[in-house]
Amino acid sequence: MVPMTGRDLDRLAPLVEGWEETLIWSVLQGCMGRAWADRRDQPAACLLWVGDFCFFAGAPTEELAWFWPEGAEFLIAVPQHEGWSRLIEKARPDARPAVRYAFFKDPAVFDRSRLERIAAAVPAGCALHILDGPLYRRALAESWSRDLCSQFANEADWLARGIGVCALADGALAAGAASYTVYQGGIEIEIDTRPDLRRRGLARCCGARLILECLDRGLYPSWDAQNPWSAALAGQLGYQYSHTYPVYELERPFSS
């Protein structure tokens, strides 16, 4: 197994052709994440890692199925096909199967006037703000909001490449929608709400404003849902459901 960087990444493109996941594009474009393959020349299998996600593509390979990226505590393993699913289940009997929800990537589906109305319907006592440097630091300081910007190297990296909107309730961070990852021409959205303030429409307001900000900047705001609630919210904001796909949730293997 070898790490793939720079121009080596181009050799992995045929293995993931047609796989419409922006997280994959982030890695192959060299924007974020890391990649490994069974061999550097004419690779037949690869693993792409960014954030909490590992994508397994090509011919199922035990070495890649057993591999655990250094520093990762939790992973969502995404198999390209059933062969990888079987191998992941064999390698990690503790893997928890789950389902995620994918949406078509079509910028024409968004109704700007509707999104403006949603973004304006902020509950009393709350206000929306662009996620700037000070709010970046506040988001990183709390466990529920950390994923809004945790994939960026530092504050300068966030300010250069990240984009986000957060809701403040009486001055406290209450919810946010931001770029979990970036790729050339777009972002993958992360959306979170403080647990005690959920079901008040804050995530919907933040999501609508973030989509508008992205469209104004010529970026596509990609959405991938972890659960039916997130899928329903995506529908309210204009996304069109495409399909579900299987994943496996993994905890870091114990090592003595």
C-alpha atoms as a PDB file:
ATOM      1  CA  MET A   1       0.000   0.000   0.000  1.00  0.00           C
ATOM      2  CA  VAL A   2       1.398   3.394  -0.974  1.00  0.00           C
ATOM      3  CA  PRO A   3       0.360   6.996  -0.298  1.00  0.00           C
ATOM      4  CA  MET A   4      -0.781   8.867  -3.385  1.00  0.00           C
ATOM      5  CA  THR A   5      -0.045  12.573  -3.693  1.00  0.00           C
ATOM      6  CA  GLY A   6       0.329  15.216  -6.377  1.00  0.00           C
ATOM      7  CA  ARG A   7       0.070  13.857  -9.888  1.00  0.00           C
ATOM      8  CA  ASP A   8      -0.293  10.321  -8.514  1.00  0.00           C
ATOM      9  CA  LEU A   9      -3.865  11.247  -7.621  1.00  0.00           C
ATOM     10  CA  ASP A  10      -4.772  11.418 -11.306  1.00  0.00           C
ATOM     11  CA  ARG A  11      -4.161   7.673 -11.524  1.00  0.00           C
ATOM     12  CA  LEU A  12      -7.002   7.050  -9.077  1.00  0.00           C
ATOM     13  CA  ALA A  13      -9.640   8.869 -11.126  1.00  0.00           C
ATOM     14  CA  PRO A  14     -10.602   5.808 -13.223  1.00  0.00           C
ATOM     15  CA  LEU A  15     -11.271   3.820 -10.035  1.00  0.00           C
ATOM     16  CA  VAL A  16     -13.935   6.289  -8.870  1.00  0.00           C
ATOM     17  CA  GLU A  17     -15.338   7.358 -12.241  1.00  0.00           C
ATOM     18  CA  GLY A  18     -19.052   8.138 -11.960  1.00  0.00           C
ATOM     19  CA  TRP A  19     -19.020   8.273  -8.162  1.00  0.00           C
ATOM     20  CA  GLU A  20     -20.736  11.608  -7.532  1.00  0.00           C
ATOM     21  CA  GLU A  21     -19.337  12.450  -4.088  1.00  0.00           C
ATOM     22  CA  THR A  22     -17.728  15.832  -3.551  1.00  0.00           C
ATOM     23  CA  LEU A  23     -15.591  14.423  -0.728  1.00  0.00           C
ATOM     24  CA  ILE A  24     -13.911  12.211  -3.331  1.00  0.00           C
ATOM     25  CA  TRP A  25     -13.337  15.257  -5.526  1.00  0.00           C
ATOM     26  CA  SER A  26     -11.781  17.093  -2.553  1.00  0.00           C
ATOM     27  CA  VAL A  27      -9.143  14.373  -2.226  1.00  0.00           C
ATOM     28  CA  LEU A  28      -8.428  13.807  -5.910  1.00  0.00           C
ATOM     29  CA  GLN A  29      -8.152  17.544  -6.565  1.00  0.00           C
ATOM     30  CA  GLY A  30      -5.650  17.868  -3.727  1.00  0.00           C
ATOM     31  CA  CYS A  31      -7.887  20.231  -1.762  1.00  0.00           C
ATOM     32  CA  MET A  32      -8.237  18.146   1.406  1.00  0.00           C
ATOM     33  CA  GLY A  33      -7.679  14.666   2.750  1.00  0.00           C
ATOM     34  CA  ARG A  34      -5.295  11.857   1.848  1.00  0.00           C
ATOM     35  CA  ALA A  35      -5.220   8.858  -0.472  1.00  0.00           C
ATOM     36  CA  TRP A  36      -3.610   5.429  -0.593  1.00  0.00           C
ATOM     37  CA  ALA A  37      -3.549   2.726  -3.274  1.00  0.00           C
ATOM     38  CA  ASP A  38      -2.436  -0.870  -3.607  1.00  0.00           C
ATOM     39  CA  ARG A  39       0.394   0.306  -5.882  1.00  0.00           C
ATOM     40  CA  ARG A  40       1.534   3.547  -7.465  1.00  0.00           C
ATOM     41  CA  ASP A  41       1.618   2.415 -11.087  1.00  0.00           C
ATOM     42  CA  GLN A  42      -1.701   1.242 -12.523  1.00  0.00           C
ATOM     43  CA  PRO A  43      -3.472   1.017  -9.151  1.00  0.00           C
ATOM     44  CA  ALA A  44      -6.374  -1.414  -8.897  1.00  0.00           C
ATOM     45  CA  ALA A  45      -7.692  -0.306  -5.487  1.00  0.00           C
ATOM     46  CA  CYS A  46      -7.644   2.842  -3.403  1.00  0.00           C
ATOM     47  CA  LEU A  47      -8.752   4.379  -0.123  1.00  0.00           C
ATOM     48  CA  LEU A  48      -9.627   8.086   0.040  1.00  0.00           C
ATOM     49  CA  TRP A  49      -9.838   9.699   3.476  1.00  0.00           C
ATOM     50  CA  VAL A  50     -11.204  13.131   4.327  1.00  0.00           C
ATOM     51  CA  GLY A  51     -12.791  14.186   7.613  1.00  0.00           C
ATOM     52  CA  ASP A  52     -14.650  11.236   9.094  1.00  0.00           C
ATOM     53  CA  PHE A  53     -15.089   9.535   5.707  1.00  0.00           C
ATOM     54  CA  CYS A  54     -13.128   6.747   4.033  1.00  0.00           C
ATOM     55  CA  PHE A  55     -14.065   5.747   0.487  1.00  0.00           C
ATOM     56  CA  PHE A  56     -13.032   2.280  -0.703  1.00  0.00           C
ATOM     57  CA  ALA A  57     -12.855   1.871  -4.482  1.00  0.00           C
ATOM     58  CA  GLY A  58     -11.627  -0.574  -7.082  1.00  0.00           C
ATOM     59  CA  ALA A  59     -10.852  -4.233  -6.460  1.00  0.00           C
ATOM     60  CA  PRO A  60     -11.380  -5.214  -2.789  1.00  0.00           C
ATOM     61  CA  THR A  61      -8.006  -5.455  -1.067  1.00  0.00           C
ATOM     62  CA  GLU A  62      -7.519  -6.756   2.468  1.00  0.00           C
ATOM     63  CA  GLU A  63      -4.597  -4.437   3.191  1.00  0.00           C
ATOM     64  CA  LEU A  64      -6.759  -1.378   2.522  1.00  0.00           C
ATOM     65  CA  ALA A  65      -9.791  -2.805   4.329  1.00  0.00           C
ATOM     66  CA  TRP A  66      -7.680  -3.262   7.491  1.00  0.00           C
ATOM     67  CA  PHE A  67      -5.931   0.091   7.218  1.00  0.00           C
ATOM     68  CA  TRP A  68      -6.676   2.781   9.825  1.00  0.00           C
ATOM     69  CA  PRO A  69      -5.491   6.360   9.123  1.00  0.00           C
ATOM     70  CA  GLU A  70      -3.240   7.720  11.825  1.00  0.00           C
ATOM     71  CA  GLY A  71      -5.037  10.211  14.058  1.00  0.00           C
ATOM     72  CA  ALA A  72      -8.576   9.084  13.212  1.00  0.00           C
ATOM     73  CA  GLU A  73     -10.831   8.161  16.139  1.00  0.00           C
ATOM     74  CA  PHE A  74     -14.027   7.489  14.178  1.00  0.00           C
ATOM     75  CA  LEU A  75     -14.645   6.678  10.526  1.00  0.00           C
ATOM     76  CA  ILE A  76     -17.571   6.324   8.173  1.00  0.00           C
ATOM     77  CA  ALA A  77     -16.484   3.678   5.667  1.00  0.00           C
ATOM     78  CA  VAL A  78     -18.146   4.044   2.261  1.00  0.00           C
ATOM     79  CA  PRO A  79     -17.843   0.953   0.043  1.00  0.00           C
ATOM     80  CA  GLN A  80     -18.012   1.423  -3.710  1.00  0.00           C
ATOM     81  CA  HIS A  81     -19.714  -1.942  -4.179  1.00  0.00           C
ATOM     82  CA  GLU A  82     -20.749  -5.101  -2.362  1.00  0.00           C
ATOM     83  CA  GLY A  83     -17.317  -6.681  -2.618  1.00  0.00           C
ATOM     84  CA  TRP A  84     -15.945  -3.946  -0.394  1.00  0.00           C
ATOM     85  CA  SER A  85     -18.904  -4.290   1.977  1.00  0.00           C
ATOM     86  CA  ARG A  86     -18.160  -7.954   2.519  1.00  0.00           C
ATOM     87  CA  LEU A  87     -14.482  -7.297   3.080  1.00  0.00           C
ATOM     88  CA  ILE A  88     -15.133  -4.453   5.550  1.00  0.00           C
ATOM     89  CA  GLU A  89     -17.514  -6.694   7.511  1.00  0.00           C
ATOM     90  CA  LYS A  90     -14.846  -9.401   7.590  1.00  0.00           C
ATOM     91  CA  ALA A  91     -12.065  -7.044   8.628  1.00  0.00           C
ATOM     92  CA  ARG A  92     -14.147  -5.193  11.203  1.00  0.00           C
ATOM     93  CA  PRO A  93     -16.870  -7.370  12.812  1.00  0.00           C
ATOM     94  CA  ASP A  94     -17.681  -4.396  15.069  1.00  0.00           C
ATOM     95  CA  ALA A  95     -18.645  -2.226  12.068  1.00  0.00           C
ATOM     96  CA  ARG A  96     -22.101  -0.673  12.475  1.00  0.00           C
ATOM     97  CA  PRO A  97     -24.035  -0.651   9.178  1.00  0.00           C
ATOM     98  CA  ALA A  98     -25.963   2.523   8.402  1.00  0.00           C
ATOM     99  CA  VAL A  99     -27.603   4.293   5.479  1.00  0.00           C
ATOM    100  CA  ARG A 100     -27.007   7.789   4.135  1.00  0.00           C
ATOM    101  CA  TYR A 101     -29.072   9.897   1.721  1.00  0.00           C
ATOM    102  CA  ALA A 102     -27.674  11.423  -1.481  1.00  0.00           C
ATOM    103  CA  PHE A 103     -29.125  14.293  -3.527  1.00  0.00           C
ATOM    104  CA  PHE A 104     -28.785  15.356  -7.131  1.00  0.00           C
ATOM    105  CA  LYS A 105     -26.171  18.067  -7.678  1.00  0.00           C
ATOM    106  CA  ASP A 106     -28.178  20.553  -9.701  1.00  0.00           C
ATOM    107  CA  PRO A 107     -27.753  24.292  -9.015  1.00  0.00           C
ATOM    108  CA  ALA A 108     -30.875  25.023 -11.057  1.00  0.00           C
ATOM    109  CA  VAL A 109     -33.185  23.590  -8.362  1.00  0.00           C
ATOM    110  CA  PHE A 110     -32.734  26.466  -5.935  1.00  0.00           C
ATOM    111  CA  ASP A 111     -35.472  29.071  -5.593  1.00  0.00           C
ATOM    112  CA  ARG A 112     -33.674  32.192  -4.392  1.00  0.00           C
ATOM    113  CA  SER A 113     -36.813  34.017  -3.268  1.00  0.00           C
ATOM    114  CA  ARG A 114     -37.891  31.023  -1.180  1.00  0.00           C
ATOM    115  CA  LEU A 115     -34.422  30.726   0.344  1.00  0.00           C
ATOM    116  CA  GLU A 116     -34.440  34.445   1.173  1.00  0.00           C
ATOM    117  CA  ARG A 117     -37.762  34.038   2.989  1.00  0.00           C
ATOM    118  CA  ILE A 118     -36.479  31.044   4.952  1.00  0.00           C
ATOM    119  CA  ALA A 119     -33.262  32.826   5.913  1.00  0.00           C
ATOM    120  CA  ALA A 120     -35.233  35.861   7.087  1.00  0.00           C
ATOM    121  CA  ALA A 121     -37.508  33.806   9.358  1.00  0.00           C
ATOM    122  CA  VAL A 122     -35.028  33.781  12.236  1.00  0.00           C
ATOM    123  CA  PRO A 123     -36.650  33.150  15.634  1.00  0.00           C
ATOM    124  CA  ALA A 124     -36.927  36.096  18.019  1.00  0.00           C
ATOM    125  CA  GLY A 125     -33.738  36.724  19.968  1.00  0.00           C
ATOM    126  CA  CYS A 126     -31.563  35.170  17.247  1.00  0.00           C
ATOM    127  CA  ALA A 127     -29.510  36.625  14.406  1.00  0.00           C
ATOM    128  CA  LEU A 128     -27.487  35.196  11.531  1.00  0.00           C
ATOM    129  CA  HIS A 129     -23.807  36.017  11.060  1.00  0.00           C
ATOM    130  CA  ILE A 130     -21.084  35.023   8.632  1.00  0.00           C
ATOM    131  CA  LEU A 131     -18.741  32.590  10.360  1.00  0.00           C
ATOM    132  CA  ASP A 132     -15.663  34.814  10.651  1.00  0.00           C
ATOM    133  CA  GLY A 133     -12.426  34.373  12.586  1.00  0.00           C
ATOM    134  CA  PRO A 134     -13.799  34.942  16.114  1.00  0.00           C
ATOM    135  CA  LEU A 135     -16.799  32.698  15.407  1.00  0.00           C
ATOM    136  CA  TYR A 136     -14.469  30.078  13.912  1.00  0.00           C
ATOM    137  CA  ARG A 137     -12.657  29.957  17.243  1.00  0.00           C
ATOM    138  CA  ARG A 138     -15.918  29.723  19.157  1.00  0.00           C
ATOM    139  CA  ALA A 139     -17.185  26.919  16.934  1.00  0.00           C
ATOM    140  CA  LEU A 140     -14.004  24.890  17.457  1.00  0.00           C
ATOM    141  CA  ALA A 141     -14.277  25.329  21.224  1.00  0.00           C
ATOM    142  CA  GLU A 142     -17.596  23.446  21.507  1.00  0.00           C
ATOM    143  CA  SER A 143     -18.045  19.755  20.725  1.00  0.00           C
ATOM    144  CA  TRP A 144     -21.439  20.121  19.004  1.00  0.00           C
ATOM    145  CA  SER A 145     -20.189  22.798  16.567  1.00  0.00           C
ATOM    146  CA  ARG A 146     -16.605  21.675  15.963  1.00  0.00           C
ATOM    147  CA  ASP A 147     -17.337  19.885  12.678  1.00  0.00           C
ATOM    148  CA  LEU A 148     -18.503  23.141  11.123  1.00  0.00           C
ATOM    149  CA  CYS A 149     -14.874  24.067  10.498  1.00  0.00           C
ATOM    150  CA  SER A 150     -12.613  21.364  11.959  1.00  0.00           C
ATOM    151  CA  GLN A 151     -11.303  20.104   8.608  1.00  0.00           C
ATOM    152  CA  PHE A 152      -9.361  23.294   7.978  1.00  0.00           C
ATOM    153  CA  ALA A 153      -5.736  23.535   9.055  1.00  0.00           C
ATOM    154  CA  ASN A 154      -6.154  26.721  11.065  1.00  0.00           C
ATOM    155  CA  GLU A 155      -7.993  30.030  11.190  1.00  0.00           C
ATOM    156  CA  ALA A 156      -6.074  31.458   8.248  1.00  0.00           C
ATOM    157  CA  ASP A 157      -6.986  28.428   6.149  1.00  0.00           C
ATOM    158  CA  TRP A 158     -10.633  28.821   7.145  1.00  0.00           C
ATOM    159  CA  LEU A 159     -10.675  32.503   6.237  1.00  0.00           C
ATOM    160  CA  ALA A 160      -9.034  31.755   2.884  1.00  0.00           C
ATOM    161  CA  ARG A 161     -11.169  28.785   1.815  1.00  0.00           C
ATOM    162  CA  GLY A 162     -14.053  28.239   4.235  1.00  0.00           C
ATOM    163  CA  ILE A 163     -17.544  29.653   4.214  1.00  0.00           C
ATOM    164  CA  GLY A 164     -20.205  29.457   6.895  1.00  0.00           C
ATOM    165  CA  VAL A 165     -23.226  31.035   8.506  1.00  0.00           C
ATOM    166  CA  CYS A 166     -24.094  30.759  12.171  1.00  0.00           C
ATOM    167  CA  ALA A 167     -27.020  31.736  14.348  1.00  0.00           C
ATOM    168  CA  LEU A 168     -26.459  33.511  17.635  1.00  0.00           C
ATOM    169  CA  ALA A 169     -29.118  33.312  20.345  1.00  0.00           C
ATOM    170  CA  ASP A 170     -28.728  36.095  22.888  1.00  0.00           C
ATOM    171  CA  GLY A 171     -25.119  36.323  21.807  1.00  0.00           C
ATOM    172  CA  ALA A 172     -24.332  32.609  22.197  1.00  0.00           C
ATOM    173  CA  LEU A 173     -23.546  30.256  19.323  1.00  0.00           C
ATOM    174  CA  ALA A 174     -26.769  28.364  18.620  1.00  0.00           C
ATOM    175  CA  ALA A 175     -26.531  26.762  15.158  1.00  0.00           C
ATOM    176  CA  GLY A 176     -24.482  26.827  12.009  1.00  0.00           C
ATOM    177  CA  ALA A 177     -24.135  25.707   8.415  1.00  0.00           C
ATOM    178  CA  ALA A 178     -20.670  25.672   6.893  1.00  0.00           C
ATOM    179  CA  SER A 179     -18.195  24.048   4.539  1.00  0.00           C
ATOM    180  CA  TYR A 180     -17.269  20.695   6.044  1.00  0.00           C
ATOM    181  CA  THR A 181     -14.948  20.265   3.073  1.00  0.00           C
ATOM    182  CA  VAL A 182     -14.131  22.172  -0.102  1.00  0.00           C
ATOM    183  CA  TYR A 183     -13.444  21.131  -3.672  1.00  0.00           C
ATOM    184  CA  GLN A 184     -12.886  23.068  -6.871  1.00  0.00           C
ATOM    185  CA  GLY A 185     -16.150  24.891  -7.451  1.00  0.00           C
ATOM    186  CA  GLY A 186     -18.040  24.000  -4.321  1.00  0.00           C
ATOM    187  CA  ILE A 187     -18.369  22.797  -0.754  1.00  0.00           C
ATOM    188  CA  GLU A 188     -19.895  19.916   1.177  1.00  0.00           C
ATOM    189  CA  ILE A 189     -22.286  21.287   3.783  1.00  0.00           C
ATOM    190  CA  GLU A 190     -22.073  20.545   7.505  1.00  0.00           C
ATOM    191  CA  ILE A 191     -25.044  21.685   9.569  1.00  0.00           C
ATOM    192  CA  ASP A 192     -25.376  21.546  13.354  1.00  0.00           C
ATOM    193  CA  THR A 193     -27.561  22.961  16.120  1.00  0.00           C
ATOM    194  CA  ARG A 194     -26.868  23.182  19.833  1.00  0.00           C
ATOM    195  CA  PRO A 195     -28.807  20.261  21.364  1.00  0.00           C
ATOM    196  CA  ASP A 196     -31.008  22.393  23.634  1.00  0.00           C
ATOM    197  CA  LEU A 197     -32.048  24.661  20.740  1.00  0.00           C
ATOM    198  CA  ARG A 198     -33.073  22.083  18.152  1.00  0.00           C
ATOM    199  CA  ARG A 199     -36.441  22.065  16.353  1.00  0.00           C
ATOM    200  CA  ARG A 200     -36.710  25.858  16.297  1.00  0.00           C
ATOM    201  CA  GLY A 201     -35.846  26.337  12.625  1.00  0.00           C
ATOM    202  CA  LEU A 202     -32.319  27.620  13.240  1.00  0.00           C
ATOM    203  CA  ALA A 203     -30.637  25.000  11.045  1.00  0.00           C
ATOM    204  CA  ARG A 204     -33.073  25.759   8.216  1.00  0.00           C
ATOM    205  CA  CYS A 205     -32.325  29.502   8.418  1.00  0.00           C
ATOM    206  CA  CYS A 206     -28.561  28.923   8.468  1.00  0.00           C
ATOM    207  CA  GLY A 207     -28.767  26.420   5.614  1.00  0.00           C
ATOM    208  CA  ALA A 208     -30.796  28.777   3.427  1.00  0.00           C
ATOM    209  CA  ARG A 209     -28.408  31.671   3.999  1.00  0.00           C
ATOM    210  CA  LEU A 210     -25.355  29.479   3.331  1.00  0.00           C
ATOM    211  CA  ILE A 211     -26.814  28.252   0.026  1.00  0.00           C
ATOM    212  CA  LEU A 212     -27.426  31.852  -1.026  1.00  0.00           C
ATOM    213  CA  GLU A 213     -23.886  32.839  -0.039  1.00  0.00           C
ATOM    214  CA  CYS A 214     -22.511  29.950  -2.099  1.00  0.00           C
ATOM    215  CA  LEU A 215     -24.584  30.819  -5.149  1.00  0.00           C
ATOM    216  CA  ASP A 216     -23.423  34.433  -4.904  1.00  0.00           C
ATOM    217  CA  ARG A 217     -19.807  33.215  -4.941  1.00  0.00           C
ATOM    218  CA  GLY A 218     -20.259  30.737  -7.780  1.00  0.00           C
ATOM    219  CA  LEU A 219     -19.920  27.711  -5.477  1.00  0.00           C
ATOM    220  CA  TYR A 220     -22.132  24.637  -5.440  1.00  0.00           C
ATOM    221  CA  PRO A 221     -23.408  23.755  -1.932  1.00  0.00           C
ATOM    222  CA  SER A 222     -23.531  19.944  -1.945  1.00  0.00           C
ATOM    223  CA  TRP A 223     -25.712  18.178   0.639  1.00  0.00           C
ATOM    224  CA  ASP A 224     -25.426  14.579   1.859  1.00  0.00           C
ATOM    225  CA  ALA A 225     -27.706  13.502   4.714  1.00  0.00           C
ATOM    226  CA  GLN A 226     -26.884  11.307   7.681  1.00  0.00           C
ATOM    227  CA  ASN A 227     -30.510  10.693   8.701  1.00  0.00           C
ATOM    228  CA  PRO A 228     -34.135  11.254   7.635  1.00  0.00           C
ATOM    229  CA  TRP A 229     -34.278  14.571   9.519  1.00  0.00           C
ATOM    230  CA  SER A 230     -31.355  15.952   7.519  1.00  0.00           C
ATOM    231  CA  ALA A 231     -32.865  14.548   4.319  1.00  0.00           C
ATOM    232  CA  ALA A 232     -36.168  16.296   5.057  1.00  0.00           C
ATOM    233  CA  LEU A 233     -34.383  19.580   5.729  1.00  0.00           C
ATOM    234  CA  ALA A 234     -32.567  19.264   2.413  1.00  0.00           C
ATOM    235  CA  GLY A 235     -35.909  18.863   0.660  1.00  0.00           C
ATOM    236  CA  GLN A 236     -37.243  22.012   2.329  1.00  0.00           C
ATOM    237  CA  LEU A 237     -34.265  23.937   0.976  1.00  0.00           C
ATOM    238  CA  GLY A 238     -34.776  22.717  -2.579  1.00  0.00           C
ATOM    239  CA  TYR A 239     -32.554  19.656  -2.953  1.00  0.00           C
ATOM    240  CA  GLN A 240     -33.903  16.725  -4.964  1.00  0.00           C
ATOM    241  CA  TYR A 241     -33.472  13.272  -3.442  1.00  0.00           C
ATOM    242  CA  SER A 242     -31.391  10.832  -5.485  1.00  0.00           C
ATOM    243  CA  HIS A 243     -30.746   7.597  -3.561  1.00  0.00           C
ATOM    244  CA  THR A 244     -29.612   5.976  -0.337  1.00  0.00           C
ATOM    245  CA  TYR A 245     -26.298   4.205   0.017  1.00  0.00           C
ATOM    246  CA  PRO A 246     -24.755   1.927   2.658  1.00  0.00           C
ATOM    247  CA  VAL A 247     -21.940   2.911   5.000  1.00  0.00           C
ATOM    248  CA  TYR A 248     -20.235   1.437   8.045  1.00  0.00           C
ATOM    249  CA  GLU A 249     -19.468   3.354  11.224  1.00  0.00           C
ATOM    250  CA  LEU A 250     -16.154   2.353  12.810  1.00  0.00           C
ATOM    251  CA  GLU A 251     -14.383   3.178  16.057  1.00  0.00           C
ATOM    252  CA  ARG A 252     -10.590   3.258  16.299  1.00  0.00           C
ATOM    253  CA  PRO A 253      -9.251  -0.272  16.773  1.00  0.00           C
ATOM    254  CA  PHE A 254      -7.756  -0.998  20.185  1.00  0.00           C
ATOM    255  CA  SER A 255      -3.993  -1.341  20.175  1.00  0.00           C
ATOM    256  CA  SER A 256      -1.844  -2.227  23.152  1.00  0.00           C
END
